[in-house]
N, C-alpha and C. Protein backbone atom coordinates (compact mmCIF):
# COMPACT_ATOMS: atom_id res chain seq x y z
N MET A 1 167.58 86.88 96.01
CA MET A 1 168.52 86.78 97.12
C MET A 1 169.54 87.91 96.99
N ARG A 2 169.80 88.54 98.06
CA ARG A 2 170.71 89.68 98.10
C ARG A 2 172.15 89.21 98.23
N LYS A 3 173.03 89.80 97.44
CA LYS A 3 174.45 89.45 97.50
C LYS A 3 175.13 90.15 98.66
N THR A 4 176.14 89.49 99.21
CA THR A 4 176.96 90.14 100.22
C THR A 4 178.06 90.91 99.52
N VAL A 5 178.66 91.85 100.20
CA VAL A 5 179.73 92.64 99.60
C VAL A 5 180.86 91.73 99.13
N GLY A 6 181.14 90.68 99.86
CA GLY A 6 182.20 89.75 99.46
C GLY A 6 181.93 89.07 98.13
N GLU A 7 180.67 88.99 97.74
CA GLU A 7 180.29 88.36 96.48
C GLU A 7 180.31 89.34 95.30
N ILE A 8 180.56 90.60 95.57
CA ILE A 8 180.57 91.63 94.54
C ILE A 8 182.02 91.88 94.14
N GLY A 9 182.37 91.55 92.91
CA GLY A 9 183.76 91.63 92.46
C GLY A 9 184.42 92.99 92.62
N TRP A 10 183.68 94.07 92.34
CA TRP A 10 184.29 95.39 92.41
C TRP A 10 184.66 95.79 93.83
N ALA A 11 184.00 95.21 94.81
CA ALA A 11 184.21 95.62 96.21
C ALA A 11 185.65 95.38 96.68
N VAL A 12 186.32 94.39 96.15
CA VAL A 12 187.69 94.11 96.57
C VAL A 12 188.66 95.17 96.07
N ARG A 13 188.23 96.00 95.13
CA ARG A 13 189.07 97.08 94.62
C ARG A 13 188.73 98.42 95.25
N GLY A 14 187.80 98.43 96.18
CA GLY A 14 187.37 99.67 96.82
C GLY A 14 188.41 100.29 97.72
N ALA A 15 188.42 101.61 97.75
CA ALA A 15 189.35 102.35 98.63
C ALA A 15 189.05 102.06 100.10
N CYS A 16 187.85 101.65 100.39
CA CYS A 16 187.44 101.40 101.78
C CYS A 16 187.96 100.08 102.32
N ARG A 17 188.49 99.23 101.47
CA ARG A 17 188.90 97.89 101.91
C ARG A 17 189.95 97.92 103.02
N ALA A 18 190.71 99.01 103.11
CA ALA A 18 191.74 99.12 104.14
C ALA A 18 191.26 99.94 105.34
N SER A 19 190.01 100.37 105.31
CA SER A 19 189.46 101.21 106.38
C SER A 19 188.64 100.38 107.36
N ASP A 20 188.44 100.93 108.52
CA ASP A 20 187.58 100.31 109.51
C ASP A 20 186.13 100.42 109.01
N PRO A 21 185.41 99.31 108.85
CA PRO A 21 184.04 99.35 108.34
C PRO A 21 183.12 100.25 109.17
N GLU A 22 183.41 100.40 110.45
CA GLU A 22 182.57 101.24 111.30
C GLU A 22 182.58 102.69 110.86
N LEU A 23 183.62 103.11 110.13
CA LEU A 23 183.68 104.47 109.62
C LEU A 23 182.50 104.73 108.69
N PHE A 24 182.08 103.72 107.93
CA PHE A 24 181.03 103.86 106.93
C PHE A 24 179.64 103.53 107.47
N PHE A 25 179.57 103.10 108.70
CA PHE A 25 178.29 102.74 109.32
C PHE A 25 178.17 103.37 110.70
N PRO A 26 178.06 104.70 110.75
CA PRO A 26 177.95 105.38 112.05
C PRO A 26 176.65 104.98 112.77
N LEU A 27 176.73 104.88 114.08
CA LEU A 27 175.55 104.53 114.87
C LEU A 27 174.55 105.67 114.93
N ALA A 28 175.05 106.88 114.85
CA ALA A 28 174.20 108.08 114.84
C ALA A 28 174.81 109.04 113.82
N GLN A 29 174.00 109.98 113.36
CA GLN A 29 174.52 110.94 112.39
C GLN A 29 175.67 111.72 113.01
N ALA A 30 176.82 111.66 112.36
CA ALA A 30 178.02 112.33 112.85
C ALA A 30 178.70 112.99 111.66
N VAL A 31 178.61 114.30 111.59
CA VAL A 31 179.11 115.05 110.44
C VAL A 31 180.59 114.79 110.19
N GLU A 32 181.39 114.77 111.24
CA GLU A 32 182.83 114.56 111.09
C GLU A 32 183.14 113.17 110.54
N GLN A 33 182.48 112.17 111.07
CA GLN A 33 182.69 110.80 110.61
C GLN A 33 182.21 110.65 109.16
N GLU A 34 181.10 111.25 108.84
CA GLU A 34 180.58 111.23 107.47
C GLU A 34 181.59 111.85 106.50
N ALA A 35 182.18 112.96 106.89
CA ALA A 35 183.16 113.64 106.05
C ALA A 35 184.40 112.76 105.84
N ARG A 36 184.84 112.06 106.88
CA ARG A 36 186.00 111.17 106.76
C ARG A 36 185.69 110.01 105.81
N ALA A 37 184.51 109.44 105.94
CA ALA A 37 184.12 108.33 105.06
C ALA A 37 184.03 108.80 103.61
N LYS A 38 183.42 109.96 103.41
CA LYS A 38 183.28 110.49 102.05
C LYS A 38 184.64 110.84 101.44
N ALA A 39 185.60 111.22 102.27
CA ALA A 39 186.96 111.51 101.78
C ALA A 39 187.60 110.24 101.24
N VAL A 40 187.38 109.12 101.90
CA VAL A 40 187.88 107.83 101.41
C VAL A 40 187.21 107.52 100.07
N CYS A 41 185.90 107.72 100.00
CA CYS A 41 185.15 107.43 98.77
C CYS A 41 185.59 108.31 97.61
N SER A 42 185.97 109.54 97.89
CA SER A 42 186.26 110.49 96.81
C SER A 42 187.39 110.05 95.90
N GLY A 43 188.32 109.26 96.42
CA GLY A 43 189.43 108.79 95.59
C GLY A 43 189.29 107.33 95.18
N CYS A 44 188.12 106.80 95.30
CA CYS A 44 187.90 105.37 95.05
C CYS A 44 187.77 105.04 93.57
N PRO A 45 188.47 104.00 93.11
CA PRO A 45 188.38 103.63 91.69
C PRO A 45 187.06 102.96 91.31
N VAL A 46 186.28 102.53 92.31
CA VAL A 46 185.01 101.87 92.01
C VAL A 46 183.82 102.65 92.58
N LEU A 47 183.98 103.94 92.71
CA LEU A 47 182.93 104.79 93.27
C LEU A 47 181.61 104.60 92.52
N GLY A 48 181.65 104.62 91.20
CA GLY A 48 180.44 104.48 90.40
C GLY A 48 179.74 103.15 90.61
N GLU A 49 180.50 102.08 90.63
CA GLU A 49 179.92 100.75 90.84
C GLU A 49 179.30 100.63 92.22
N CYS A 50 179.99 101.17 93.20
CA CYS A 50 179.50 101.13 94.58
C CYS A 50 178.20 101.91 94.71
N ARG A 51 178.18 103.11 94.15
CA ARG A 51 176.98 103.95 94.21
C ARG A 51 175.81 103.28 93.48
N ALA A 52 176.07 102.74 92.30
CA ALA A 52 175.01 102.07 91.54
C ALA A 52 174.46 100.88 92.30
N TYR A 53 175.35 100.10 92.93
CA TYR A 53 174.91 98.96 93.73
C TYR A 53 174.00 99.42 94.87
N ALA A 54 174.45 100.44 95.61
CA ALA A 54 173.69 100.91 96.77
C ALA A 54 172.32 101.42 96.37
N LEU A 55 172.24 102.10 95.24
CA LEU A 55 170.95 102.60 94.77
C LEU A 55 170.05 101.46 94.32
N LYS A 56 170.60 100.53 93.56
CA LYS A 56 169.81 99.39 93.07
C LYS A 56 169.34 98.49 94.21
N ALA A 57 170.23 98.25 95.16
CA ALA A 57 169.90 97.36 96.29
C ALA A 57 169.13 98.08 97.39
N ALA A 58 168.98 99.40 97.26
CA ALA A 58 168.31 100.20 98.29
C ALA A 58 168.93 99.95 99.66
N GLU A 59 170.27 100.02 99.70
CA GLU A 59 170.98 99.80 100.97
C GLU A 59 170.39 100.70 102.05
N PRO A 60 169.93 100.11 103.14
CA PRO A 60 169.24 100.89 104.18
C PRO A 60 170.16 101.56 105.19
N GLU A 61 171.45 101.27 105.13
CA GLU A 61 172.38 101.81 106.12
C GLU A 61 173.71 102.17 105.46
N GLY A 62 174.46 103.01 106.12
CA GLY A 62 175.84 103.27 105.75
C GLY A 62 176.06 104.25 104.62
N ILE A 63 177.32 104.52 104.43
CA ILE A 63 177.77 105.40 103.35
C ILE A 63 178.31 104.49 102.26
N TRP A 64 177.69 104.57 101.10
CA TRP A 64 178.05 103.75 99.94
C TRP A 64 178.22 104.70 98.76
N GLY A 65 179.27 104.53 98.01
CA GLY A 65 179.48 105.37 96.83
C GLY A 65 179.55 106.84 97.15
N GLY A 66 180.00 107.16 98.35
CA GLY A 66 180.13 108.55 98.76
C GLY A 66 178.83 109.21 99.14
N LEU A 67 177.77 108.43 99.32
CA LEU A 67 176.45 108.99 99.65
C LEU A 67 175.90 108.40 100.93
N THR A 68 175.25 109.23 101.71
CA THR A 68 174.56 108.77 102.91
C THR A 68 173.21 108.16 102.52
N VAL A 69 172.56 107.55 103.47
CA VAL A 69 171.23 106.99 103.24
C VAL A 69 170.28 108.08 102.72
N GLN A 70 170.31 109.24 103.35
CA GLN A 70 169.43 110.33 102.95
C GLN A 70 169.74 110.82 101.54
N GLU A 71 171.01 110.91 101.19
CA GLU A 71 171.39 111.34 99.85
C GLU A 71 170.97 110.32 98.80
N ARG A 72 171.13 109.05 99.11
CA ARG A 72 170.68 108.01 98.17
C ARG A 72 169.17 108.04 98.02
N ARG A 73 168.48 108.22 99.11
CA ARG A 73 167.01 108.30 99.06
C ARG A 73 166.58 109.47 98.18
N GLY A 74 167.29 110.59 98.28
CA GLY A 74 166.98 111.76 97.46
C GLY A 74 167.17 111.49 95.98
N LEU A 75 168.14 110.64 95.63
CA LEU A 75 168.35 110.29 94.23
C LEU A 75 167.29 109.31 93.74
N ARG A 76 166.87 108.41 94.62
CA ARG A 76 165.86 107.43 94.23
C ARG A 76 164.47 108.03 94.18
N PHE A 77 164.21 108.98 95.07
CA PHE A 77 162.89 109.60 95.15
C PHE A 77 163.03 111.11 95.15
N PRO A 78 163.34 111.72 94.01
CA PRO A 78 163.53 113.18 93.97
C PRO A 78 162.23 113.92 94.31
N ALA A 79 162.39 115.16 94.71
CA ALA A 79 161.22 115.98 95.07
C ALA A 79 160.22 115.95 93.92
N GLY A 80 158.97 115.77 94.26
CA GLY A 80 157.90 115.76 93.26
C GLY A 80 157.75 114.46 92.51
N TRP A 81 158.39 113.38 92.98
CA TRP A 81 158.32 112.11 92.26
C TRP A 81 156.93 111.50 92.29
N ARG A 82 156.17 111.80 93.29
CA ARG A 82 154.79 111.29 93.34
C ARG A 82 153.87 112.16 92.52
N ARG A 83 152.97 111.52 91.83
CA ARG A 83 151.96 112.28 91.10
C ARG A 83 150.91 112.78 92.08
N PRO A 84 150.36 113.94 91.82
CA PRO A 84 149.29 114.42 92.71
C PRO A 84 148.14 113.43 92.71
N GLU A 85 147.53 113.26 93.85
CA GLU A 85 146.41 112.33 93.94
C GLU A 85 145.24 112.82 93.12
N ALA A 86 144.56 111.87 92.52
CA ALA A 86 143.37 112.22 91.73
C ALA A 86 142.29 112.72 92.67
N GLY A 87 141.64 113.76 92.28
CA GLY A 87 140.68 114.33 93.21
C GLY A 87 139.33 114.39 92.74
């Protein structure tokens, strides 16, 4: 069963707690909005915990731990992670 953010103790100490949640969940890719969200994350005391959670939970949306979905995917599946198919 997946935990909600409210059930994660570190989340209440996040720098984002005073921000509009929509800042971290853009409806479409928006460079300016992404930069504003990442600026909030950059000074966060729980950045590491947030990032680790998002990677472990494979969060499918939003900016978590200062990373976009694409950036998290790149960390989870770095270039060349698949072995070449046997031929």
